[in-house]
Every structure is written in C-alpha cells, then in structure tokens.
Protein backbone atom coordinates (compact mmCIF):
# COMPACT_ATOMS: atom_id res chain seq x y z
CA MET A 1 -37.03 32.47 -5.87
CA ALA A 2 -33.81 30.72 -4.81
CA ILE A 3 -32.84 30.48 -1.19
CA VAL A 4 -29.15 30.64 -0.43
CA LYS A 5 -27.74 29.38 2.86
CA VAL A 6 -24.22 30.25 3.83
CA VAL A 7 -22.25 28.11 6.24
CA THR A 8 -19.03 29.51 7.63
CA VAL A 9 -16.54 27.10 9.15
CA TYR A 10 -13.97 28.58 11.47
CA GLN A 11 -11.08 26.13 11.49
CA ALA A 12 -9.40 27.90 14.38
CA ALA A 13 -12.49 27.30 16.54
CA ILE A 14 -12.63 23.64 15.50
CA ARG A 15 -8.94 23.20 16.27
CA SER A 16 -9.43 24.71 19.74
CA GLU A 17 -12.22 22.18 20.42
CA LEU A 18 -9.92 19.34 19.32
CA ALA A 19 -6.97 20.61 21.38
CA PRO A 20 -6.41 19.30 24.92
CA GLY A 21 -9.03 20.87 27.18
CA GLY A 22 -11.50 21.43 24.31
CA ASP A 23 -14.98 19.90 24.50
CA VAL A 24 -14.44 17.53 21.58
CA ASN A 25 -11.14 16.34 23.01
CA LYS A 26 -12.79 15.72 26.41
CA PHE A 27 -15.61 13.77 24.73
CA VAL A 28 -13.18 11.59 22.76
CA LYS A 29 -11.11 10.92 25.92
CA MET A 30 -14.26 9.87 27.78
CA ALA A 31 -15.25 7.58 24.88
CA ASN A 32 -11.70 6.17 24.85
CA ARG A 33 -11.90 5.26 28.55
CA GLU A 34 -15.26 3.55 27.98
CA VAL A 35 -14.00 1.56 24.98
CA TYR A 36 -10.95 0.47 27.00
CA ALA A 37 -13.13 -0.71 29.89
CA GLU A 38 -15.52 -2.52 27.53
CA ALA A 39 -12.65 -4.19 25.64
CA VAL A 40 -11.07 -5.47 28.86
CA ALA A 41 -14.45 -6.69 30.13
CA THR A 42 -15.32 -8.57 26.92
CA ALA A 43 -11.88 -9.90 25.88
CA PRO A 44 -11.74 -13.67 25.42
CA VAL A 45 -10.04 -15.38 28.34
CA ARG A 46 -8.11 -18.62 28.34
CA THR A 47 -4.93 -17.72 30.20
CA GLY A 48 -5.66 -14.05 30.99
CA ASN A 49 -2.74 -12.81 28.89
CA LEU A 50 -5.02 -11.29 26.24
CA LYS A 51 -7.20 -9.51 28.81
CA ASP A 52 -4.15 -8.11 30.64
CA SER A 53 -2.47 -6.81 27.46
CA HIS A 54 -4.81 -3.93 26.57
CA VAL A 55 -3.24 -0.50 26.15
CA ASN A 56 -5.14 2.77 26.20
CA ALA A 57 -3.17 4.67 23.54
CA GLY A 58 -5.05 7.90 24.21
CA VAL A 59 -6.38 10.54 21.82
CA LEU A 60 -4.56 11.40 18.61
CA VAL A 61 -5.46 14.59 16.74
CA HIS A 62 -4.70 14.78 13.01
CA GLY A 63 -5.74 18.07 11.48
CA LEU A 64 -9.50 18.30 11.97
CA ARG A 65 -9.89 14.69 13.12
CA ALA A 66 -9.58 13.13 16.57
CA GLU A 67 -9.03 9.40 17.15
CA ALA A 68 -9.29 7.38 20.32
CA ARG A 69 -7.12 4.25 20.26
CA VAL A 70 -7.26 1.09 22.32
CA ASN A 71 -4.75 -1.60 21.39
CA ASN A 72 -3.79 -5.06 22.56
CA VAL A 73 -0.08 -5.85 22.64
CA SER A 74 -0.32 -9.60 23.23
CA PRO A 75 1.60 -11.53 20.55
CA HIS A 76 -1.47 -13.57 19.63
CA ALA A 77 -4.07 -10.78 19.81
CA GLU A 78 -4.23 -10.30 16.04
CA TRP A 79 -4.86 -14.00 15.44
CA VAL A 80 -7.69 -14.09 17.98
CA HIS A 81 -9.22 -10.79 16.83
CA ASP A 82 -8.95 -11.29 13.06
CA GLY A 83 -8.89 -15.08 12.90
CA THR A 84 -6.58 -17.28 10.87
CA THR A 85 -6.92 -19.21 7.67
CA GLY A 86 -6.50 -22.94 7.77
CA PRO A 87 -5.23 -25.48 7.70
CA ILE A 88 -2.18 -24.54 9.74
CA GLY A 89 0.78 -26.91 9.45
CA PRO A 90 4.29 -27.15 10.83
CA THR A 91 6.98 -24.97 9.26
CA SER A 92 10.16 -26.70 10.41
CA HIS A 93 9.10 -30.13 11.71
CA GLN A 94 6.90 -32.96 10.52
CA PHE A 95 4.26 -32.41 13.24
CA LEU A 96 2.78 -29.57 15.31
CA LYS A 97 3.45 -30.03 19.05
CA LEU A 98 0.44 -28.80 21.05
CA PRO A 99 -0.48 -28.94 24.75
CA ALA A 100 -2.71 -31.96 25.42
CA GLY A 101 -5.49 -29.92 27.02
CA ARG A 102 -6.50 -27.84 30.00
CA ASN A 103 -6.52 -30.65 32.56
CA ALA A 104 -4.18 -33.07 30.77
CA ARG A 105 -0.44 -33.34 30.89
CA GLY A 106 1.90 -33.78 27.98
CA PHE A 107 1.53 -32.95 24.33
CA ILE A 108 -0.27 -34.11 21.22
CA TYR A 109 1.30 -34.16 17.78
CA LEU A 110 -0.74 -33.25 14.70
CA ARG A 111 0.04 -32.75 11.02
CA SER A 112 -2.27 -29.72 10.82
CA VAL A 113 -5.05 -27.84 12.61
CA ARG A 114 -7.93 -25.87 11.16
CA GLY A 115 -7.85 -22.08 11.25
CA GLN A 116 -9.41 -20.04 14.03
CA ARG A 117 -12.63 -18.08 13.59
CA ALA A 118 -12.31 -14.33 14.16
CA ASN A 119 -13.40 -12.96 17.54
CA PRO A 120 -13.25 -9.15 17.04
CA TRP A 121 -13.83 -8.07 20.65
CA LEU A 122 -12.08 -4.70 20.18
CA ARG A 123 -14.34 -3.76 17.25
CA ARG A 124 -17.45 -4.87 19.17
CA ALA A 125 -16.38 -2.79 22.19
CA GLY A 126 -15.92 0.29 20.00
CA GLU A 127 -19.26 -0.23 18.23
CA LYS A 128 -21.10 -0.74 21.53
CA VAL A 129 -19.72 2.47 23.05
CA ALA A 130 -20.30 4.41 19.80
CA ARG A 131 -23.97 3.34 19.74
CA ARG A 132 -24.40 4.31 23.39
CA LEU A 133 -22.86 7.75 22.78
CA GLY A 134 -24.59 8.36 19.45
CA ALA A 135 -21.29 8.40 17.57
CA ARG A 136 -19.93 6.26 14.75
CA LEU A 137 -16.67 4.46 14.07
C-alpha cells in the first residue's frame, strides 16, 4: 500500500515572513548584525583603513530568498580578501616604489613583488555566525 504525503506551500505566508517585521526577516537582520560585528572584529589591521571600511548593507529580499550583506568599501579590500597573483611588476615605470617599512623612512625600489595570499575574513565571519545559528551560507 502506497503512502502519499501532501505538502502545501503558501507563498503569501512565506512572503509575509520575509517582509519587514516578519520572523524570517528579523532573524536575517540579527544574523547580519552579528556577521558585521564579527567581520569588524576579525579584519586584518595594518593601518586600520580596512577595519573602518565595513558597511552593513542590510537585508535584501528577492522573491522567496532573503540575503544579509556585509561589504567592505576600502579600495584594497578585494586584494586582501581574495589575494593576488604574482609576481606584480610596475606598469608605467621601471621599478615599484614601496614604503621602506613600518619604522623606517624613505622608499625601496623593486622590479617585482610576489602576490599576496588570500585572507578571506568576511567569508570566515559569515561561516562562523552561520554555524553558531545553525544556518548555512
């Protein structure tokens, strides 16, 4: 004997949960605030520009999907987060002109530098909060 199970999905009810004030929307907003705080706390720091450039872009609802977005608007955020390929050389001069170091004055001139390893702090912040809340990215 076959057993038949019927599942009825009421899109209007789902949309009301995703709308501002709905339980799902409230949950995603709370997760968004936690990811933002975690991203700021774990961002790599050399000058502080990267840490200070986080933007909580809020909750976006697309149909039956809700997204929480945290961005970083620093010009070099993508290079730090995703890494670079190397070697990196000058585009308009014969040498790269780089600061000598943290406690040194002046500049050093190099023909090329190796790429930078990725440091995906935003992804790690999202994954950490998702694990804590029992959600997934």
